[in-house]
Protein backbone atom coordinates (compact mmCIF):
# COMPACT_ATOMS: atom_id res chain seq x y z
CA MET A 1 9.51 -121.50 -10.69
CA GLY A 2 8.05 -123.25 -7.66
CA VAL A 3 9.67 -126.52 -8.77
CA THR A 4 13.15 -125.17 -9.52
CA ALA A 5 13.53 -122.58 -6.75
CA PRO A 6 14.18 -124.96 -3.80
CA PRO A 7 16.99 -126.86 -5.60
CA MET A 8 18.53 -123.54 -6.64
CA ARG A 9 18.36 -122.24 -3.09
CA ILE A 10 19.99 -125.43 -1.84
CA MET A 11 22.78 -125.15 -4.44
CA ASN A 12 23.33 -121.49 -3.57
CA PHE A 13 23.48 -122.36 0.12
CA ILE A 14 26.05 -125.12 -0.50
CA PHE A 15 28.15 -122.89 -2.74
CA GLN A 16 28.01 -120.03 -0.24
CA SER A 17 29.02 -122.34 2.61
CA ILE A 18 32.01 -123.65 0.65
CA ARG A 19 32.97 -120.12 -0.38
CA GLU A 20 32.84 -118.79 3.17
CA SER A 21 34.82 -121.74 4.53
CA ILE A 22 37.58 -121.16 1.99
CA PHE A 23 37.45 -117.37 1.82
CA PRO A 24 36.46 -115.90 5.20
CA GLN A 25 34.60 -112.62 5.31
CA GLY A 26 36.45 -109.39 5.98
CA LEU A 27 39.45 -109.99 3.75
CA THR A 28 41.32 -107.07 2.24
CA THR A 29 41.36 -106.85 -1.55
CA PRO A 30 44.93 -108.24 -1.87
CA GLU A 31 44.05 -111.06 0.55
CA ALA A 32 40.94 -111.95 -1.46
CA ILE A 33 42.85 -111.90 -4.76
CA GLY A 34 45.69 -114.04 -3.39
CA SER A 35 43.28 -116.53 -1.84
CA TYR A 36 41.21 -116.85 -5.01
CA ILE A 37 44.33 -117.37 -7.14
CA SER A 38 45.66 -120.03 -4.74
CA PHE A 39 42.33 -121.86 -4.77
CA ALA A 40 42.00 -121.61 -8.56
CA VAL A 41 45.48 -123.02 -9.12
CA MET A 42 44.67 -125.93 -6.81
CA ILE A 43 41.53 -126.70 -8.82
CA ILE A 44 43.38 -126.49 -12.16
CA PHE A 45 46.21 -128.65 -10.84
CA ALA A 46 43.75 -131.29 -9.67
CA ALA A 47 41.83 -131.15 -12.95
CA ILE A 48 44.80 -131.72 -15.24
CA TYR A 49 46.68 -134.28 -13.11
CA THR A 50 43.86 -136.44 -11.75
CA TYR A 51 44.36 -138.79 -14.69
CA GLN A 52 47.69 -139.89 -13.24
CA PHE A 53 45.87 -141.19 -10.17
CA VAL A 54 43.67 -143.13 -12.58
CA TYR A 55 46.92 -144.59 -13.93
CA ILE A 56 47.88 -145.62 -10.39
CA PHE A 57 44.50 -147.28 -9.87
CA ILE A 58 44.86 -149.22 -13.11
CA SER A 59 48.34 -150.39 -12.09
CA PHE A 60 46.84 -151.94 -8.95
CA VAL A 61 43.99 -153.77 -10.69
CA ARG A 62 45.86 -155.02 -13.77
CA ARG A 63 49.10 -156.96 -14.01
CA PRO A 64 51.99 -155.56 -16.07
CA LEU A 65 52.12 -156.74 -19.66
CA LYS A 66 54.05 -159.90 -20.47
CA TYR A 67 55.14 -160.67 -24.00
CA PRO A 68 55.31 -164.03 -25.80
CA LYS A 69 58.57 -165.89 -26.35
CA THR A 70 60.49 -165.31 -29.56
CA ASP A 71 62.91 -167.28 -31.73
CA GLN A 72 65.70 -164.94 -30.51
CA THR A 73 67.13 -164.11 -33.93
CA LYS A 74 67.25 -160.32 -33.75
CA ARG A 75 70.64 -158.65 -33.74
CA TYR A 76 71.23 -155.85 -31.25
CA ALA A 77 73.86 -153.18 -30.78
CA VAL A 78 74.43 -152.13 -27.19
CA MET A 79 75.69 -148.55 -26.93
CA ILE A 80 77.36 -147.22 -23.78
CA ALA A 81 78.51 -143.64 -23.40
CA ALA A 82 81.14 -143.53 -20.64
CA ARG A 83 83.20 -140.73 -19.15
CA ASN A 84 85.82 -141.80 -16.60
CA GLU A 85 83.86 -144.91 -15.62
CA GLU A 86 86.66 -147.47 -15.21
CA LEU A 87 85.36 -148.41 -11.75
CA VAL A 88 81.73 -149.29 -12.56
CA LEU A 89 81.87 -150.20 -16.27
CA PRO A 90 83.13 -153.78 -15.72
CA GLU A 91 79.96 -154.82 -13.86
CA LEU A 92 77.76 -153.60 -16.71
CA LEU A 93 79.88 -155.44 -19.28
CA LYS A 94 79.79 -158.62 -17.18
CA SER A 95 76.01 -158.40 -16.93
CA ILE A 96 75.72 -158.03 -20.72
CA LYS A 97 78.05 -160.98 -21.30
CA GLY A 98 75.93 -163.04 -18.90
CA GLN A 99 72.60 -162.52 -20.68
CA THR A 100 70.23 -165.39 -21.44
CA TYR A 101 69.89 -163.98 -24.96
CA PRO A 102 72.42 -165.38 -27.49
CA THR A 103 75.58 -163.32 -26.98
CA ASP A 104 76.66 -163.75 -30.60
CA LEU A 105 73.72 -161.53 -31.54
CA ILE A 106 74.78 -158.76 -29.16
CA ASP A 107 77.56 -156.36 -30.16
CA ILE A 108 78.83 -154.02 -27.46
CA TYR A 109 80.01 -150.52 -28.34
CA VAL A 110 81.57 -148.14 -25.83
CA ILE A 111 82.23 -144.51 -26.58
CA ALA A 112 84.90 -143.30 -24.16
CA ASP A 113 83.91 -139.66 -24.08
CA ASN A 114 86.56 -137.18 -22.91
CA CYS A 115 88.08 -139.79 -20.62
CA THR A 116 91.24 -139.25 -18.62
CA ASP A 117 91.28 -142.69 -16.97
CA GLN A 118 91.43 -146.30 -18.23
CA THR A 119 87.79 -146.56 -19.37
CA ALA A 120 88.73 -147.42 -22.96
CA GLU A 121 91.24 -150.10 -21.92
CA VAL A 122 88.78 -151.66 -19.49
CA ALA A 123 86.08 -151.82 -22.17
CA ARG A 124 88.45 -153.42 -24.70
CA SER A 125 89.47 -156.06 -22.15
CA PHE A 126 85.84 -157.24 -22.16
CA GLY A 127 85.72 -157.49 -25.93
CA ALA A 128 83.77 -154.29 -26.56
CA THR A 129 84.32 -152.19 -29.67
CA VAL A 130 85.64 -148.90 -28.33
CA TYR A 131 85.83 -145.45 -29.86
CA GLU A 132 87.47 -142.56 -28.06
CA ARG A 133 86.16 -139.02 -28.38
CA HIS A 134 87.78 -135.80 -27.23
CA ASN A 135 85.65 -132.72 -27.68
CA LYS A 136 85.38 -130.05 -24.98
CA GLU A 137 82.89 -127.94 -26.92
CA GLN A 138 80.15 -130.45 -27.68
CA VAL A 139 79.66 -132.08 -24.30
CA GLY A 140 76.98 -134.58 -23.33
CA LYS A 141 75.62 -138.03 -24.05
CA GLY A 142 73.75 -136.93 -27.16
CA TYR A 143 76.96 -135.89 -28.93
CA ALA A 144 78.70 -139.08 -27.81
CA LEU A 145 75.91 -141.28 -29.23
CA GLN A 146 75.95 -139.44 -32.55
CA TYR A 147 79.72 -139.83 -32.76
CA LEU A 148 79.41 -143.56 -32.15
CA LEU A 149 76.55 -144.05 -34.61
CA ASN A 150 78.55 -142.32 -37.33
CA PHE A 151 81.22 -145.04 -36.99
CA ILE A 152 78.62 -147.82 -37.04
CA LYS A 153 77.02 -146.26 -40.11
CA GLU A 154 80.34 -146.19 -41.98
CA ALA A 155 81.45 -149.66 -40.87
CA LYS A 156 78.24 -151.69 -41.18
CA GLY A 157 75.30 -149.43 -41.98
CA LEU A 158 72.66 -148.44 -39.46
CA ARG A 159 70.27 -151.21 -40.58
CA TYR A 160 72.83 -153.95 -39.91
CA TYR A 161 71.23 -154.22 -36.47
CA ASP A 162 67.56 -154.71 -35.87
CA ALA A 163 67.63 -152.30 -32.94
CA TYR A 164 69.92 -150.35 -30.64
CA MET A 165 69.97 -150.41 -26.84
CA VAL A 166 71.39 -147.53 -24.81
CA PHE A 167 72.83 -147.82 -21.30
CA ASP A 168 74.84 -145.69 -18.91
CA ALA A 169 78.14 -147.07 -17.65
CA ASP A 170 76.89 -147.39 -14.05
CA ASN A 171 74.01 -149.70 -15.07
CA VAL A 172 73.78 -153.41 -14.24
CA LEU A 173 71.29 -155.68 -16.02
CA ARG A 174 69.27 -158.65 -14.88
CA THR A 175 70.38 -161.75 -16.78
CA ASN A 176 67.08 -161.88 -18.71
CA TYR A 177 67.05 -158.18 -19.58
CA ILE A 178 67.76 -158.43 -23.32
CA GLU A 179 65.61 -161.55 -23.64
CA GLU A 180 62.63 -159.65 -22.23
CA MET A 181 63.31 -156.56 -24.33
CA ASP A 182 63.49 -158.80 -27.39
CA LYS A 183 60.03 -160.18 -26.57
CA ALA A 184 58.57 -156.69 -26.26
CA TYR A 185 60.35 -155.50 -29.41
CA CYS A 186 59.10 -158.44 -31.46
CA ALA A 187 55.58 -157.70 -30.19
CA GLY A 188 55.68 -154.48 -32.21
CA ASN A 189 57.26 -151.88 -29.93
CA ARG A 190 59.69 -149.88 -32.07
CA ILE A 191 60.78 -147.82 -29.05
CA LEU A 192 61.01 -149.33 -25.59
CA THR A 193 61.90 -148.32 -22.09
CA SER A 194 62.38 -150.63 -19.12
CA TYR A 195 62.10 -150.96 -15.34
CA ARG A 196 64.64 -148.73 -13.62
CA ASN A 197 65.75 -149.83 -10.17
CA SER A 198 68.54 -148.52 -7.93
CA LYS A 199 71.85 -149.88 -6.67
CA ASN A 200 71.98 -147.59 -3.65
CA TYR A 201 68.39 -147.02 -2.52
CA GLY A 202 69.16 -146.92 1.19
CA ASN A 203 72.42 -144.97 1.14
CA SER A 204 70.80 -141.56 1.71
CA TRP A 205 67.46 -139.77 1.62
CA VAL A 206 68.54 -138.30 -1.73
CA SER A 207 69.28 -141.62 -3.45
CA ALA A 208 66.03 -143.02 -2.00
CA GLY A 209 64.09 -140.06 -3.40
CA TYR A 210 65.42 -140.71 -6.89
CA ALA A 211 64.82 -144.45 -6.67
CA LEU A 212 61.24 -144.20 -5.44
CA TRP A 213 60.34 -141.70 -8.15
CA PHE A 214 61.81 -143.89 -10.90
CA MET A 215 59.85 -146.85 -9.53
CA HIS A 216 56.68 -144.73 -9.61
CA GLU A 217 57.49 -143.64 -13.13
CA ALA A 218 57.99 -147.23 -14.26
CA ARG A 219 55.15 -148.97 -12.42
CA HIS A 220 52.43 -146.32 -12.37
CA LEU A 221 53.13 -144.29 -15.51
CA ASN A 222 54.98 -146.12 -18.29
CA ASN A 223 53.52 -149.48 -17.30
CA VAL A 224 49.93 -148.22 -17.54
CA ARG A 225 50.62 -146.24 -20.70
CA ALA A 226 51.74 -149.51 -22.30
CA MET A 227 48.53 -151.21 -21.15
CA LEU A 228 46.45 -148.40 -22.64
CA LYS A 229 48.54 -148.45 -25.84
CA THR A 230 49.58 -144.83 -25.51
CA SER A 231 53.14 -143.52 -25.34
CA GLY A 232 55.47 -143.60 -22.37
CA ALA A 233 58.64 -141.58 -21.94
CA ILE A 234 62.32 -142.54 -22.00
CA SER A 235 63.94 -142.04 -18.61
CA GLY A 236 67.66 -141.51 -19.07
CA THR A 237 68.89 -145.04 -19.61
CA GLY A 238 67.80 -148.57 -20.45
CA PHE A 239 65.94 -148.05 -23.72
CA LEU A 240 65.69 -149.56 -27.20
CA ILE A 241 65.23 -147.93 -30.61
CA ASP A 242 64.39 -149.67 -33.86
CA SER A 243 67.10 -149.25 -36.49
CA ALA A 244 64.61 -147.78 -38.97
CA ILE A 245 64.04 -144.85 -36.60
CA VAL A 246 67.78 -144.43 -36.08
CA GLU A 247 68.26 -144.40 -39.85
CA ARG A 248 65.42 -141.90 -40.31
CA ASN A 249 67.15 -139.60 -37.84
CA ASP A 250 70.54 -140.26 -39.45
CA GLY A 251 71.85 -141.38 -36.09
CA TRP A 252 71.12 -139.43 -32.93
CA LYS A 253 69.98 -135.82 -33.35
CA TYR A 254 69.06 -134.93 -29.77
CA PHE A 255 71.50 -132.63 -28.01
CA LEU A 256 69.49 -130.71 -25.41
CA LEU A 257 70.33 -131.12 -21.72
CA THR A 258 67.63 -133.78 -21.37
CA GLU A 259 68.09 -135.71 -24.57
CA ASP A 260 65.82 -138.52 -23.32
CA ILE A 261 62.74 -136.28 -22.99
CA GLU A 262 63.67 -134.53 -26.24
CA PHE A 263 63.74 -137.88 -28.03
CA SER A 264 60.44 -138.94 -26.39
CA SER A 265 58.73 -135.69 -27.44
CA ASP A 266 60.00 -135.95 -31.01
CA ALA A 267 58.90 -139.58 -31.20
CA VAL A 268 55.35 -138.68 -30.11
CA LEU A 269 55.19 -135.88 -32.68
CA HIS A 270 56.23 -138.40 -35.35
CA GLY A 271 53.39 -140.71 -34.37
CA GLU A 272 55.65 -143.20 -32.60
CA ARG A 273 54.78 -144.86 -29.29
CA VAL A 274 57.30 -145.44 -26.51
CA GLY A 275 56.49 -148.92 -25.19
CA TYR A 276 57.44 -150.43 -21.85
CA CYS A 277 58.83 -153.77 -20.72
CA HIS A 278 58.24 -154.36 -17.01
CA GLU A 279 60.18 -157.65 -16.92
CA ALA A 280 63.38 -156.01 -18.19
CA GLU A 281 64.99 -154.66 -15.03
CA LEU A 282 68.20 -152.69 -14.69
CA PHE A 283 69.91 -151.01 -11.76
CA ASP A 284 71.71 -147.70 -11.79
CA GLU A 285 73.45 -145.51 -9.24
CA GLN A 286 71.77 -142.40 -7.86
CA PRO A 287 73.48 -139.31 -6.41
CA GLU A 288 73.74 -139.50 -2.63
CA THR A 289 74.39 -135.90 -1.63
CA PHE A 290 72.03 -132.97 -2.07
CA ARG A 291 74.79 -130.96 -3.73
CA GLN A 292 75.23 -133.60 -6.45
CA SER A 293 71.48 -133.86 -6.79
CA TRP A 294 71.04 -130.10 -7.12
CA ARG A 295 73.56 -130.03 -9.95
CA GLN A 296 72.00 -132.94 -11.80
CA ARG A 297 68.40 -131.84 -11.36
CA SER A 298 69.30 -128.28 -12.38
CA ARG A 299 70.39 -129.76 -15.69
CA TRP A 300 67.17 -131.74 -15.93
CA ALA A 301 65.04 -128.70 -15.11
CA LYS A 302 66.87 -126.55 -17.66
CA GLY A 303 66.53 -129.36 -20.17
CA PHE A 304 62.77 -129.50 -19.64
CA PHE A 305 62.57 -125.77 -20.36
CA GLN A 306 64.59 -126.32 -23.53
CA VAL A 307 62.36 -129.20 -24.66
CA TYR A 308 59.22 -127.17 -24.04
CA ARG A 309 60.66 -124.27 -26.03
CA HIS A 310 61.49 -126.51 -29.00
CA TYR A 311 58.60 -129.01 -28.89
CA GLY A 312 55.89 -127.37 -26.79
CA LYS A 313 54.08 -125.80 -29.73
CA GLY A 314 53.83 -129.10 -31.57
CA LEU A 315 52.67 -130.95 -28.46
CA LEU A 316 50.01 -128.32 -27.75
CA LYS A 317 48.76 -128.60 -31.33
CA GLY A 318 48.57 -132.36 -30.91
CA THR A 319 46.71 -131.90 -27.65
CA ALA A 320 44.20 -129.61 -29.37
CA LYS A 321 43.63 -132.40 -31.91
CA MET A 322 42.81 -134.77 -29.02
CA HIS A 323 46.03 -136.82 -29.26
CA TRP A 324 46.33 -138.24 -25.76
CA ALA A 325 50.08 -138.95 -26.02
CA CYS A 326 50.73 -135.27 -26.80
CA PHE A 327 48.68 -134.16 -23.79
CA ASP A 328 50.42 -136.67 -21.53
CA MET A 329 53.84 -135.54 -22.71
CA CYS A 330 52.88 -131.90 -22.15
CA MET A 331 51.92 -132.72 -18.57
CA THR A 332 55.24 -134.49 -18.10
CA ILE A 333 57.31 -131.54 -19.29
CA MET A 334 55.98 -128.32 -17.86
CA PRO A 335 52.58 -127.44 -16.26
CA ALA A 336 53.32 -128.58 -12.69
CA PHE A 337 56.21 -126.13 -12.42
CA LEU A 338 54.36 -123.31 -14.16
CA LEU A 339 51.31 -123.65 -11.94
CA THR A 340 53.44 -123.90 -8.80
CA ALA A 341 55.54 -120.88 -9.75
CA PHE A 342 52.44 -118.86 -10.67
CA GLU A 343 50.75 -119.61 -7.35
CA LEU A 344 53.80 -118.81 -5.23
CA LEU A 345 54.57 -115.61 -7.12
CA SER A 346 50.94 -114.49 -6.94
CA VAL A 347 50.66 -115.12 -3.21
CA THR A 348 54.01 -113.40 -2.62
CA ALA A 349 52.99 -110.38 -4.71
CA THR A 350 49.63 -109.97 -2.94
CA LEU A 351 51.32 -110.48 0.44
CA ILE A 352 53.73 -107.60 -0.26
CA ILE A 353 50.98 -105.39 -1.71
CA ASN A 354 48.83 -106.01 1.35
CA ARG A 355 51.77 -105.06 3.60
CA VAL A 356 52.34 -101.81 1.68
CA ILE A 357 48.67 -100.78 1.50
CA HIS A 358 47.28 -102.07 4.79
CA GLY A 359 50.43 -102.16 6.92
CA PHE A 360 50.43 -105.80 8.07
CA TRP A 361 51.63 -109.20 6.95
CA SER A 362 48.45 -111.09 6.16
CA PRO A 363 47.95 -114.30 8.19
CA THR A 364 45.56 -115.46 5.47
CA LEU A 365 48.18 -115.18 2.74
CA LEU A 366 50.91 -116.62 4.93
CA GLY A 367 48.52 -119.49 5.51
CA CYS A 368 48.45 -120.08 1.74
CA TYR A 369 52.13 -121.05 1.95
CA VAL A 370 51.39 -123.47 4.74
CA GLU A 371 48.46 -124.96 2.84
CA PHE A 372 50.59 -125.29 -0.29
CA LEU A 373 53.38 -127.09 1.56
CA ALA A 374 50.97 -129.31 3.47
CA PHE A 375 49.00 -130.19 0.33
CA GLY A 376 52.18 -130.90 -1.66
CA TYR A 377 53.72 -132.98 1.11
CA CYS A 378 50.60 -135.10 1.65
CA LEU A 379 50.04 -135.62 -2.07
CA LEU A 380 53.62 -136.78 -2.65
CA LEU A 381 53.52 -138.93 0.49
CA VAL A 382 50.50 -140.75 -0.92
CA ILE A 383 52.25 -141.24 -4.27
CA GLY A 384 55.33 -142.57 -2.46
CA LEU A 385 53.25 -144.95 -0.33
CA LEU A 386 51.32 -146.24 -3.35
CA THR A 387 54.68 -146.95 -5.00
CA LEU A 388 56.34 -148.45 -1.94
CA ILE A 389 53.60 -151.05 -1.40
CA PRO A 390 53.68 -152.86 -4.78
CA GLU A 391 57.45 -152.45 -5.20
CA TRP A 392 58.35 -153.55 -1.68
CA ARG A 393 60.23 -156.66 -2.77
CA LYS A 394 62.23 -154.71 -5.35
CA ILE A 395 63.62 -152.26 -2.82
CA HIS A 396 67.06 -153.56 -1.89
CA CYS A 397 67.93 -151.92 1.39
CA PRO A 398 67.00 -152.49 5.05
CA LYS A 399 63.22 -152.13 5.20
CA TRP A 400 63.30 -149.67 8.08
CA LYS A 401 65.28 -147.35 5.83
CA ALA A 402 62.72 -147.72 3.06
CA ILE A 403 59.95 -146.71 5.47
CA LEU A 404 61.98 -143.82 6.90
CA HIS A 405 62.84 -142.47 3.45
CA LEU A 406 59.16 -142.59 2.46
CA PHE A 407 58.69 -139.52 4.69
CA THR A 408 61.62 -137.67 3.14
CA PHE A 409 60.44 -138.45 -0.41
CA PRO A 410 58.05 -135.44 -0.53
CA ILE A 411 60.85 -133.15 0.65
CA PHE A 412 63.11 -134.47 -2.11
CA MET A 413 60.44 -133.92 -4.75
CA MET A 414 59.43 -130.46 -3.51
CA SER A 415 63.06 -129.36 -3.64
CA TYR A 416 62.53 -129.32 -7.41
CA ILE A 417 60.78 -125.96 -6.93
CA PRO A 418 63.85 -123.90 -5.91
CA ILE A 419 66.02 -125.99 -8.24
CA SER A 420 63.78 -125.21 -11.22
CA VAL A 421 63.57 -121.51 -10.34
CA CYS A 422 67.36 -121.25 -10.15
CA ALA A 423 67.76 -123.23 -13.38
CA LEU A 424 65.34 -120.92 -15.17
CA PHE A 425 67.53 -117.88 -14.48
CA SER A 426 70.99 -119.43 -14.63
CA HIS A 427 73.36 -120.95 -17.16
CA VAL A 428 73.46 -124.74 -16.77
CA GLU A 429 75.94 -127.09 -18.43
CA TRP A 430 76.23 -130.85 -18.58
CA LYS A 431 78.59 -132.15 -15.90
CA PRO A 432 79.37 -135.79 -15.10
CA ILE A 433 78.25 -137.42 -11.86
CA GLU A 434 80.89 -139.56 -10.18
CA HIS A 435 79.91 -143.23 -9.81
CA LYS A 436 81.54 -145.36 -7.15
CA HIS A 437 79.33 -148.41 -6.59
CA ALA A 438 80.69 -151.34 -8.62
CA MET A 439 78.05 -153.95 -7.81
CA ALA A 440 76.63 -157.07 -9.40
CA THR A 441 72.91 -157.80 -9.04
CA SER A 442 73.72 -160.34 -6.30
CA ASP A 443 75.54 -157.62 -4.32
CA ILE A 444 72.55 -155.29 -4.69
CA GLU A 445 70.14 -157.91 -3.43
CA LYS A 446 72.33 -158.65 -0.39
CA ALA A 447 72.04 -155.00 0.62
CA GLY A 448 68.31 -155.53 1.13
CA LYS A 449 68.66 -158.53 3.41
CA GLY A 450 69.01 -158.34 7.16
CA ALA A 451 72.27 -159.25 8.85
CA LYS A 452 70.87 -162.52 10.23
CA GLN A 453 69.54 -163.61 6.85
CA ALA A 454 72.83 -162.72 5.14
CA GLN A 455 74.79 -164.71 7.76
CA LYS A 456 72.45 -167.66 7.37
CA GLU A 457 72.82 -167.68 3.59
CA ALA A 458 76.61 -167.39 3.93
CA ALA A 459 76.64 -170.33 6.38
CA ASP A 460 74.41 -172.37 4.05
CA SER A 461 76.77 -171.63 1.18
CA GLU A 462 79.81 -172.73 3.25
CA ASN A 463 78.02 -175.94 4.25
CA GLN A 464 77.22 -176.71 0.62
CA GLU A 465 80.86 -176.17 -0.34
CA GLU A 466 82.03 -178.48 2.48
CA GLN A 467 79.54 -181.17 1.46
CA SER A 468 80.72 -180.85 -2.14
CA VAL A 469 84.37 -181.27 -1.06
CA ASN A 470 83.52 -184.28 1.14
CA THR A 471 81.59 -185.91 -1.67
CA THR A 472 84.49 -185.39 -4.05
CA ASN A 473 86.96 -186.86 -1.54
């Protein structure tokens, strides 16, 4: 006892000091309960999400995977679901036609879904195979993809192509996109996602919030998952699926509001791994107003609830069997919102109870809100900064805007809380987001250059043209 008592006394002293610093003496019972719940949630949150900071560390110390060259003989079908996208679709089709991969091995399919404009005609003018669909009951990209795959199945058979690539009409691809995806596919990745960049990063704090999160998702999450040979997650657009998987599913069978996460969850439960190709970069357009963003993210939040309802049990079983990909997917879908909602509801309930029983609004419990907001803001600011640093050159907007929007990034992300709460108790339907930025990759890059640099490059280009004319003369 003489040997163990001093260490025990020291441990008790340390624990008591920590306890008293977090939970001051003299609290009412509701205050104590609310404080303990808030602290416990913080500990649980840290425990289950610390691994993602390990991912970030790995992304800084190891380079993204690069895949060996191939003989470029695989045949690919590019599928584009478009609804009233006559303005932006041409730039995507041009970028596909301009790929470094042999274009005779790329077939482009466009499903003009409930269009009232010239989307179908525009797509045909670029040589795409176009199918038009008019169905007001079954609305969404999942139904459009299934409709298109049914035609391909009847015309050629689903295994005619080695793999299928899926894009949104507002996307624009780097010229080496399909070449790089082909390398990753031939390296054994039956499902692939790619690097998602933004056309309009600097146009508003909302578009910047989206863009920075997708960069974080690509660089720090999917990139590291690929390194560790576990499964990533499809993020909306820019992904590849092996034709054997498409045939197994008899096309596309994912119709929830977030069909990308539904597909990713189902793939993990079937033992598949979603790979990642960092060198395959695409650009897409993000909403620029908070109203548009609220509508879109309400759909995403509702879709996550749907996915958890349909696939949560299977993912939890996989987690219990120590399947890391199942655990990682579970963390992607739900716990952050559940923990956040539980903490806020608990603090609110104890705050009201304390007011009823003891007759005052507790400063301690009100302080829990402040601590929650401060903790959330600082945590997300760190994540944003750790994304901004390595992706600095890929952010195509004036750099002062990129720095400014770093500080609004946590606000954008924390707005998911009221959005998710509203989505939980409301009816949400799929609604299209208007796209208006028809830009080539060269136009996107110009947006990130200063006025003086842009003028200099324009002057250099004019000089080169004049020299070329003089030489010809």
